[in-house]
Amino acid sequence: MRRTHPVNMFVCECITQSLFRLMKRKPYNKITVTDLVQEAGVSRNSFYRNYQSTEEIIRQFLEEKLLSGGTNLLLIQTVILTLFLKCSITF
């Protein structure tokens, strides 16, 4: 889903960046929605208004990076490797 309202875009960016910060400190499969909203400083309602799961955050992030003209393939590769190797997530 495209997020176009400026406030909504800001909330999504806060949540996405919070997920990546948390992934540096703990395994992906141990990160909860509570962890995310506390780190991001947003409400659970804001999270669920924009995402159904933490996996959706990553899917949306990768989709936006791949669709943007200034794709940073090294960043995308790093995210994917982190998910596979450090976070025990499967696609």
PDB file of N, CA and C in Angstrom:
ATOM      1  N   MET A   1       0.839  -1.174   0.000  1.00  0.00           N
ATOM      2  CA  MET A   1       0.000   0.000   0.000  1.00  0.00           C
ATOM      3  C   MET A   1       0.885   1.239   0.000  1.00  0.00           C
ATOM      4  N   ARG A   2       0.576   2.201  -0.840  1.00  0.00           N
ATOM      5  CA  ARG A   2       1.327   3.438  -0.917  1.00  0.00           C
ATOM      6  C   ARG A   2       0.914   4.367   0.216  1.00  0.00           C
ATOM      7  N   ARG A   3       1.893   4.930   0.880  1.00  0.00           N
ATOM      8  CA  ARG A   3       1.630   5.908   1.938  1.00  0.00           C
ATOM      9  C   ARG A   3       1.969   7.272   1.367  1.00  0.00           C
ATOM     10  N   THR A   4       0.970   8.143   1.201  1.00  0.00           N
ATOM     11  CA  THR A   4       1.227   9.424   0.548  1.00  0.00           C
ATOM     12  C   THR A   4       1.001  10.629   1.449  1.00  0.00           C
ATOM     13  N   HIS A   5       0.215  10.499   2.496  1.00  0.00           N
ATOM     14  CA  HIS A   5      -0.004  11.621   3.401  1.00  0.00           C
ATOM     15  C   HIS A   5       1.290  11.880   4.170  1.00  0.00           C
ATOM     16  N   PRO A   6       1.740  13.136   4.249  1.00  0.00           N
ATOM     17  CA  PRO A   6       3.018  13.430   4.896  1.00  0.00           C
ATOM     18  C   PRO A   6       3.159  12.885   6.325  1.00  0.00           C
ATOM     19  N   VAL A   7       2.111  12.984   7.120  1.00  0.00           N
ATOM     20  CA  VAL A   7       2.183  12.475   8.486  1.00  0.00           C
ATOM     21  C   VAL A   7       2.322  10.956   8.469  1.00  0.00           C
ATOM     22  N   ASN A   8       1.551  10.313   7.613  1.00  0.00           N
ATOM     23  CA  ASN A   8       1.617   8.859   7.487  1.00  0.00           C
ATOM     24  C   ASN A   8       2.999   8.414   7.009  1.00  0.00           C
ATOM     25  N   MET A   9       3.559   9.131   6.064  1.00  0.00           N
ATOM     26  CA  MET A   9       4.888   8.809   5.564  1.00  0.00           C
ATOM     27  C   MET A   9       5.922   8.949   6.685  1.00  0.00           C
ATOM     28  N   PHE A  10       5.785   9.969   7.511  1.00  0.00           N
ATOM     29  CA  PHE A  10       6.704  10.171   8.621  1.00  0.00           C
ATOM     30  C   PHE A  10       6.602   9.021   9.622  1.00  0.00           C
ATOM     31  N   VAL A  11       5.379   8.614   9.951  1.00  0.00           N
ATOM     32  CA  VAL A  11       5.169   7.501  10.889  1.00  0.00           C
ATOM     33  C   VAL A  11       5.792   6.225  10.327  1.00  0.00           C
ATOM     34  N   CYS A  12       5.576   5.949   9.051  1.00  0.00           N
ATOM     35  CA  CYS A  12       6.149   4.751   8.426  1.00  0.00           C
ATOM     36  C   CYS A  12       7.666   4.791   8.466  1.00  0.00           C
ATOM     37  N   GLU A  13       8.236   5.950   8.207  1.00  0.00           N
ATOM     38  CA  GLU A  13       9.700   6.077   8.253  1.00  0.00           C
ATOM     39  C   GLU A  13      10.217   5.849   9.674  1.00  0.00           C
ATOM     40  N   CYS A  14       9.529   6.383  10.665  1.00  0.00           N
ATOM     41  CA  CYS A  14       9.923   6.159  12.069  1.00  0.00           C
ATOM     42  C   CYS A  14       9.880   4.670  12.415  1.00  0.00           C
ATOM     43  N   ILE A  15       8.834   4.005  11.989  1.00  0.00           N
ATOM     44  CA  ILE A  15       8.684   2.577  12.280  1.00  0.00           C
ATOM     45  C   ILE A  15       9.770   1.774  11.567  1.00  0.00           C
ATOM     46  N   THR A  16      10.015   2.080  10.306  1.00  0.00           N
ATOM     47  CA  THR A  16      11.030   1.351   9.535  1.00  0.00           C
ATOM     48  C   THR A  16      12.409   1.527  10.154  1.00  0.00           C
ATOM     49  N   GLN A  17      12.774   2.758  10.456  1.00  0.00           N
ATOM     50  CA  GLN A  17      14.090   3.004  11.044  1.00  0.00           C
ATOM     51  C   GLN A  17      14.210   2.353  12.423  1.00  0.00           C
ATOM     52  N   SER A  18      13.124   2.344  13.168  1.00  0.00           N
ATOM     53  CA  SER A  18      13.129   1.691  14.478  1.00  0.00           C
ATOM     54  C   SER A  18      13.360   0.196  14.344  1.00  0.00           C
ATOM     55  N   LEU A  19      12.743  -0.418  13.345  1.00  0.00           N
ATOM     56  CA  LEU A  19      12.953  -1.846  13.128  1.00  0.00           C
ATOM     57  C   LEU A  19      14.427  -2.129  12.849  1.00  0.00           C
ATOM     58  N   PHE A  20      15.052  -1.336  11.992  1.00  0.00           N
ATOM     59  CA  PHE A  20      16.457  -1.566  11.675  1.00  0.00           C
ATOM     60  C   PHE A  20      17.362  -1.314  12.878  1.00  0.00           C
ATOM     61  N   ARG A  21      17.031  -0.320  13.688  1.00  0.00           N
ATOM     62  CA  ARG A  21      17.820  -0.092  14.916  1.00  0.00           C
ATOM     63  C   ARG A  21      17.677  -1.277  15.867  1.00  0.00           C
ATOM     64  N   LEU A  22      16.448  -1.759  16.032  1.00  0.00           N
ATOM     65  CA  LEU A  22      16.215  -2.899  16.917  1.00  0.00           C
ATOM     66  C   LEU A  22      16.921  -4.154  16.417  1.00  0.00           C
ATOM     67  N   MET A  23      16.979  -4.329  15.093  1.00  0.00           N
ATOM     68  CA  MET A  23      17.627  -5.510  14.527  1.00  0.00           C
ATOM     69  C   MET A  23      19.129  -5.530  14.821  1.00  0.00           C
ATOM     70  N   LYS A  24      19.698  -4.385  15.119  1.00  0.00           N
ATOM     71  CA  LYS A  24      21.110  -4.335  15.495  1.00  0.00           C
ATOM     72  C   LYS A  24      21.321  -4.836  16.926  1.00  0.00           C
ATOM     73  N   ARG A  25      20.243  -4.781  17.719  1.00  0.00           N
ATOM     74  CA  ARG A  25      20.354  -5.143  19.132  1.00  0.00           C
ATOM     75  C   ARG A  25      19.780  -6.499  19.478  1.00  0.00           C
ATOM     76  N   LYS A  26      18.848  -6.995  18.676  1.00  0.00           N
ATOM     77  CA  LYS A  26      18.228  -8.279  18.995  1.00  0.00           C
ATOM     78  C   LYS A  26      17.780  -8.990  17.730  1.00  0.00           C
ATOM     79  N   PRO A  27      17.625 -10.304  17.789  1.00  0.00           N
ATOM     80  CA  PRO A  27      17.194 -11.056  16.602  1.00  0.00           C
ATOM     81  C   PRO A  27      15.819 -10.597  16.121  1.00  0.00           C
ATOM     82  N   TYR A  28      15.660 -10.611  14.808  1.00  0.00           N
ATOM     83  CA  TYR A  28      14.405 -10.173  14.198  1.00  0.00           C
ATOM     84  C   TYR A  28      13.200 -10.905  14.791  1.00  0.00           C
ATOM     85  N   ASN A  29      13.333 -12.218  14.964  1.00  0.00           N
ATOM     86  CA  ASN A  29      12.182 -12.995  15.440  1.00  0.00           C
ATOM     87  C   ASN A  29      11.848 -12.726  16.903  1.00  0.00           C
ATOM     88  N   LYS A  30      12.661 -11.943  17.591  1.00  0.00           N
ATOM     89  CA  LYS A  30      12.383 -11.564  18.984  1.00  0.00           C
ATOM     90  C   LYS A  30      11.823 -10.149  19.103  1.00  0.00           C
ATOM     91  N   ILE A  31      11.726  -9.439  17.991  1.00  0.00           N
ATOM     92  CA  ILE A  31      11.218  -8.068  17.998  1.00  0.00           C
ATOM     93  C   ILE A  31       9.693  -8.099  17.953  1.00  0.00           C
ATOM     94  N   THR A  32       9.085  -7.437  18.910  1.00  0.00           N
ATOM     95  CA  THR A  32       7.626  -7.391  18.992  1.00  0.00           C
ATOM     96  C   THR A  32       7.100  -6.044  18.496  1.00  0.00           C
ATOM     97  N   VAL A  33       5.813  -5.999  18.241  1.00  0.00           N
ATOM     98  CA  VAL A  33       5.181  -4.729  17.860  1.00  0.00           C
ATOM     99  C   VAL A  33       5.350  -3.728  19.000  1.00  0.00           C
ATOM    100  N   THR A  34       5.260  -4.184  20.224  1.00  0.00           N
ATOM    101  CA  THR A  34       5.471  -3.297  21.378  1.00  0.00           C
ATOM    102  C   THR A  34       6.871  -2.695  21.336  1.00  0.00           C
ATOM    103  N   ASP A  35       7.880  -3.519  21.064  1.00  0.00           N
ATOM    104  CA  ASP A  35       9.248  -3.006  20.934  1.00  0.00           C
ATOM    105  C   ASP A  35       9.311  -1.920  19.864  1.00  0.00           C
ATOM    106  N   LEU A  36       8.694  -2.204  18.722  1.00  0.00           N
ATOM    107  CA  LEU A  36       8.737  -1.271  17.592  1.00  0.00           C
ATOM    108  C   LEU A  36       8.078   0.067  17.908  1.00  0.00           C
ATOM    109  N   VAL A  37       6.882   0.017  18.470  1.00  0.00           N
ATOM    110  CA  VAL A  37       6.175   1.282  18.712  1.00  0.00           C
ATOM    111  C   VAL A  37       6.853   2.095  19.810  1.00  0.00           C
ATOM    112  N   GLN A  38       7.428   1.428  20.794  1.00  0.00           N
ATOM    113  CA  GLN A  38       8.164   2.158  21.827  1.00  0.00           C
ATOM    114  C   GLN A  38       9.411   2.811  21.249  1.00  0.00           C
ATOM    115  N   GLU A  39      10.143   2.068  20.440  1.00  0.00           N
ATOM    116  CA  GLU A  39      11.357   2.604  19.810  1.00  0.00           C
ATOM    117  C   GLU A  39      11.024   3.766  18.874  1.00  0.00           C
ATOM    118  N   ALA A  40       9.915   3.618  18.134  1.00  0.00           N
ATOM    119  CA  ALA A  40       9.526   4.642  17.150  1.00  0.00           C
ATOM    120  C   ALA A  40       8.811   5.830  17.781  1.00  0.00           C
ATOM    121  N   GLY A  41       8.269   5.641  18.979  1.00  0.00           N
ATOM    122  CA  GLY A  41       7.515   6.723  19.617  1.00  0.00           C
ATOM    123  C   GLY A  41       6.159   6.945  18.980  1.00  0.00           C
ATOM    124  N   VAL A  42       5.557   5.859  18.494  1.00  0.00           N
ATOM    125  CA  VAL A  42       4.223   5.946  17.885  1.00  0.00           C
ATOM    126  C   VAL A  42       3.289   4.970  18.605  1.00  0.00           C
ATOM    127  N   SER A  43       2.012   5.075  18.328  1.00  0.00           N
ATOM    128  CA  SER A  43       1.030   4.208  18.979  1.00  0.00           C
ATOM    129  C   SER A  43       0.882   2.887  18.212  1.00  0.00           C
ATOM    130  N   ARG A  44       0.331   1.896  18.902  1.00  0.00           N
ATOM    131  CA  ARG A  44       0.021   0.623  18.234  1.00  0.00           C
ATOM    132  C   ARG A  44      -0.977   0.854  17.105  1.00  0.00           C
ATOM    133  N   ASN A  45      -1.929   1.770  17.326  1.00  0.00           N
ATOM    134  CA  ASN A  45      -2.897   2.087  16.261  1.00  0.00           C
ATOM    135  C   ASN A  45      -2.185   2.587  15.005  1.00  0.00           C
ATOM    136  N   SER A  46      -1.160   3.419  15.198  1.00  0.00           N
ATOM    137  CA  SER A  46      -0.396   3.916  14.047  1.00  0.00           C
ATOM    138  C   SER A  46       0.295   2.771  13.326  1.00  0.00           C
ATOM    139  N   PHE A  47       0.840   1.830  14.104  1.00  0.00           N
ATOM    140  CA  PHE A  47       1.487   0.681  13.483  1.00  0.00           C
ATOM    141  C   PHE A  47       0.478  -0.091  12.640  1.00  0.00           C
ATOM    142  N   TYR A  48      -0.638  -0.474  13.250  1.00  0.00           N
ATOM    143  CA  TYR A  48      -1.609  -1.325  12.553  1.00  0.00           C
ATOM    144  C   TYR A  48      -2.386  -0.579  11.468  1.00  0.00           C
ATOM    145  N   ARG A  49      -2.383   0.741  11.503  1.00  0.00           N
ATOM    146  CA  ARG A  49      -2.996   1.507  10.425  1.00  0.00           C
ATOM    147  C   ARG A  49      -2.157   1.373   9.150  1.00  0.00           C
ATOM    148  N   ASN A  50      -0.859   1.140   9.335  1.00  0.00           N
ATOM    149  CA  ASN A  50       0.060   1.098   8.203  1.00  0.00           C
ATOM    150  C   ASN A  50       0.577  -0.286   7.842  1.00  0.00           C
ATOM    151  N   TYR A  51       0.607  -1.181   8.810  1.00  0.00           N
ATOM    152  CA  TYR A  51       1.197  -2.500   8.587  1.00  0.00           C
ATOM    153  C   TYR A  51       0.355  -3.580   9.254  1.00  0.00           C
ATOM    154  N   GLN A  52       0.424  -4.771   8.690  1.00  0.00           N
ATOM    155  CA  GLN A  52      -0.227  -5.922   9.315  1.00  0.00           C
ATOM    156  C   GLN A  52       0.760  -6.728  10.138  1.00  0.00           C
ATOM    157  N   SER A  53       2.056  -6.592   9.810  1.00  0.00           N
ATOM    158  CA  SER A  53       3.088  -7.374  10.498  1.00  0.00           C
ATOM    159  C   SER A  53       4.438  -6.694  10.319  1.00  0.00           C
ATOM    160  N   THR A  54       5.436  -7.169  11.061  1.00  0.00           N
ATOM    161  CA  THR A  54       6.782  -6.643  10.893  1.00  0.00           C
ATOM    162  C   THR A  54       7.352  -7.037   9.526  1.00  0.00           C
ATOM    163  N   GLU A  55       6.940  -8.178   9.009  1.00  0.00           N
ATOM    164  CA  GLU A  55       7.391  -8.600   7.688  1.00  0.00           C
ATOM    165  C   GLU A  55       6.968  -7.601   6.617  1.00  0.00           C
ATOM    166  N   GLU A  56       5.799  -7.026   6.797  1.00  0.00           N
ATOM    167  CA  GLU A  56       5.312  -6.054   5.820  1.00  0.00           C
ATOM    168  C   GLU A  56       6.191  -4.803   5.792  1.00  0.00           C
ATOM    169  N   ILE A  57       6.771  -4.433   6.920  1.00  0.00           N
ATOM    170  CA  ILE A  57       7.682  -3.285   6.960  1.00  0.00           C
ATOM    171  C   ILE A  57       8.850  -3.542   6.021  1.00  0.00           C
ATOM    172  N   ILE A  58       9.418  -4.725   6.114  1.00  0.00           N
ATOM    173  CA  ILE A  58      10.577  -5.072   5.301  1.00  0.00           C
ATOM    174  C   ILE A  58      10.192  -5.178   3.833  1.00  0.00           C
ATOM    175  N   ARG A  59       9.068  -5.820   3.548  1.00  0.00           N
ATOM    176  CA  ARG A  59       8.606  -5.925   2.153  1.00  0.00           C
ATOM    177  C   ARG A  59       8.410  -4.546   1.543  1.00  0.00           C
ATOM    178  N   GLN A  60       7.760  -3.661   2.286  1.00  0.00           N
ATOM    179  CA  GLN A  60       7.511  -2.320   1.767  1.00  0.00           C
ATOM    180  C   GLN A  60       8.826  -1.562   1.569  1.00  0.00           C
ATOM    181  N   PHE A  61       9.732  -1.681   2.522  1.00  0.00           N
ATOM    182  CA  PHE A  61      11.026  -1.011   2.411  1.00  0.00           C
ATOM    183  C   PHE A  61      11.760  -1.462   1.154  1.00  0.00           C
ATOM    184  N   LEU A  62      11.844  -2.773   0.956  1.00  0.00           N
ATOM    185  CA  LEU A  62      12.549  -3.304  -0.212  1.00  0.00           C
ATOM    186  C   LEU A  62      11.853  -2.910  -1.511  1.00  0.00           C
ATOM    187  N   GLU A  63      10.528  -2.962  -1.520  1.00  0.00           N
ATOM    188  CA  GLU A  63       9.772  -2.585  -2.718  1.00  0.00           C
ATOM    189  C   GLU A  63      10.024  -1.124  -3.069  1.00  0.00           C
ATOM    190  N   GLU A  64       9.976  -0.250  -2.069  1.00  0.00           N
ATOM    191  CA  GLU A  64      10.199   1.174  -2.327  1.00  0.00           C
ATOM    192  C   GLU A  64      11.617   1.429  -2.831  1.00  0.00           C
ATOM    193  N   LYS A  65      12.595   0.736  -2.267  1.00  0.00           N
ATOM    194  CA  LYS A  65      13.984   0.917  -2.704  1.00  0.00           C
ATOM    195  C   LYS A  65      14.187   0.400  -4.120  1.00  0.00           C
ATOM    196  N   LEU A  66      13.568  -0.732  -4.427  1.00  0.00           N
ATOM    197  CA  LEU A  66      13.711  -1.298  -5.767  1.00  0.00           C
ATOM    198  C   LEU A  66      13.008  -0.456  -6.821  1.00  0.00           C
ATOM    199  N   LEU A  67      11.878   0.151  -6.459  1.00  0.00           N
ATOM    200  CA  LEU A  67      11.115   0.942  -7.418  1.00  0.00           C
ATOM    201  C   LEU A  67      11.644   2.360  -7.584  1.00  0.00           C
ATOM    202  N   SER A  68      12.426   2.828  -6.617  1.00  0.00           N
ATOM    203  CA  SER A  68      12.953   4.193  -6.712  1.00  0.00           C
ATOM    204  C   SER A  68      14.105   4.230  -7.707  1.00  0.00           C
ATOM    205  N   GLY A  69      14.282   5.361  -8.317  1.00  0.00           N
ATOM    206  CA  GLY A  69      15.348   5.494  -9.305  1.00  0.00           C
ATOM    207  C   GLY A  69      16.737   5.378  -8.707  1.00  0.00           C
ATOM    208  N   GLY A  70      16.913   5.766  -7.460  1.00  0.00           N
ATOM    209  CA  GLY A  70      18.224   5.745  -6.823  1.00  0.00           C
ATOM    210  C   GLY A  70      18.413   4.521  -5.952  1.00  0.00           C
ATOM    211  N   THR A  71      18.169   3.368  -6.514  1.00  0.00           N
ATOM    212  CA  THR A  71      18.256   2.119  -5.764  1.00  0.00           C
ATOM    213  C   THR A  71      19.675   1.900  -5.251  1.00  0.00           C
ATOM    214  N   ASN A  72      19.782   1.638  -3.964  1.00  0.00           N
ATOM    215  CA  ASN A  72      21.060   1.322  -3.349  1.00  0.00           C
ATOM    216  C   ASN A  72      21.112  -0.190  -3.162  1.00  0.00           C
ATOM    217  N   LEU A  73      21.675  -0.876  -4.134  1.00  0.00           N
ATOM    218  CA  LEU A  73      21.680  -2.334  -4.100  1.00  0.00           C
ATOM    219  C   LEU A  73      22.480  -2.888  -2.931  1.00  0.00           C
ATOM    220  N   LEU A  74      23.517  -2.184  -2.503  1.00  0.00           N
ATOM    221  CA  LEU A  74      24.294  -2.639  -1.356  1.00  0.00           C
ATOM    222  C   LEU A  74      23.432  -2.613  -0.091  1.00  0.00           C
ATOM    223  N   LEU A  75      22.628  -1.582   0.065  1.00  0.00           N
ATOM    224  CA  LEU A  75      21.724  -1.498   1.215  1.00  0.00           C
ATOM    225  C   LEU A  75      20.710  -2.636   1.185  1.00  0.00           C
ATOM    226  N   ILE A  76      20.133  -2.888   0.031  1.00  0.00           N
ATOM    227  CA  ILE A  76      19.146  -3.962  -0.106  1.00  0.00           C
ATOM    228  C   ILE A  76      19.797  -5.314   0.175  1.00  0.00           C
ATOM    229  N   GLN A  77      20.986  -5.531  -0.355  1.00  0.00           N
ATOM    230  CA  GLN A  77      21.698  -6.774  -0.113  1.00  0.00           C
ATOM    231  C   GLN A  77      21.987  -6.939   1.375  1.00  0.00           C
ATOM    232  N   THR A  78      22.379  -5.875   2.049  1.00  0.00           N
ATOM    233  CA  THR A  78      22.664  -5.932   3.478  1.00  0.00           C
ATOM    234  C   THR A  78      21.419  -6.306   4.277  1.00  0.00           C
ATOM    235  N   VAL A  79      20.291  -5.712   3.925  1.00  0.00           N
ATOM    236  CA  VAL A  79      19.040  -6.030   4.621  1.00  0.00           C
ATOM    237  C   VAL A  79      18.682  -7.490   4.428  1.00  0.00           C
ATOM    238  N   ILE A  80      18.759  -7.964   3.206  1.00  0.00           N
ATOM    239  CA  ILE A  80      18.405  -9.355   2.923  1.00  0.00           C
ATOM    240  C   ILE A  80      19.342 -10.314   3.652  1.00  0.00           C
ATOM    241  N   LEU A  81      20.636 -10.064   3.588  1.00  0.00           N
ATOM    242  CA  LEU A  81      21.591 -10.932   4.276  1.00  0.00           C
ATOM    243  C   LEU A  81      21.374 -10.919   5.782  1.00  0.00           C
ATOM    244  N   THR A  82      21.089  -9.761   6.325  1.00  0.00           N
ATOM    245  CA  THR A  82      20.820  -9.666   7.756  1.00  0.00           C
ATOM    246  C   THR A  82      19.621 -10.516   8.126  1.00  0.00           C
ATOM    247  N   LEU A  83      18.585 -10.444   7.335  1.00  0.00           N
ATOM    248  CA  LEU A  83      17.387 -11.222   7.610  1.00  0.00           C
ATOM    249  C   LEU A  83      17.657 -12.705   7.532  1.00  0.00           C
ATOM    250  N   PHE A  84      18.357 -13.133   6.523  1.00  0.00           N
ATOM    251  CA  PHE A  84      18.613 -14.560   6.354  1.00  0.00           C
ATOM    252  C   PHE A  84      19.609 -15.099   7.363  1.00  0.00           C
ATOM    253  N   LEU A  85      20.708 -14.393   7.563  1.00  0.00           N
ATOM    254  CA  LEU A  85      21.794 -14.932   8.371  1.00  0.00           C
ATOM    255  C   LEU A  85      21.664 -14.670   9.862  1.00  0.00           C
ATOM    256  N   LYS A  86      21.239 -13.487  10.233  1.00  0.00           N
ATOM    257  CA  LYS A  86      21.222 -13.123  11.638  1.00  0.00           C
ATOM    258  C   LYS A  86      19.868 -13.272  12.307  1.00  0.00           C
ATOM    259  N   CYS A  87      18.815 -13.206  11.521  1.00  0.00           N
ATOM    260  CA  CYS A  87      17.493 -13.087  12.117  1.00  0.00           C
ATOM    261  C   CYS A  87      16.646 -14.339  11.991  1.00  0.00           C
ATOM    262  N   SER A  88      17.140 -15.336  11.369  1.00  0.00           N
ATOM    263  CA  SER A  88      16.429 -16.608  11.231  1.00  0.00           C
ATOM    264  C   SER A  88      15.035 -16.427  10.647  1.00  0.00           C
ATOM    265  N   ILE A  89      14.929 -15.628   9.618  1.00  0.00           N
ATOM    266  CA  ILE A  89      13.637 -15.437   8.961  1.00  0.00           C
ATOM    267  C   ILE A  89      13.659 -16.163   7.621  1.00  0.00           C
ATOM    268  N   THR A  90      12.546 -16.696   7.225  1.00  0.00           N
ATOM    269  CA  THR A  90      12.455 -17.350   5.935  1.00  0.00           C
ATOM    270  C   THR A  90      11.394 -16.652   5.097  1.00  0.00           C
ATOM    271  N   PHE A  91      11.597 -16.666   3.806  1.00  0.00           N
ATOM    272  CA  PHE A  91      10.634 -16.050   2.881  1.00  0.00           C
ATOM    273  C   PHE A  91       9.967 -17.130   2.096  1.00  0.00           C
TER     274      PHE A  91
END
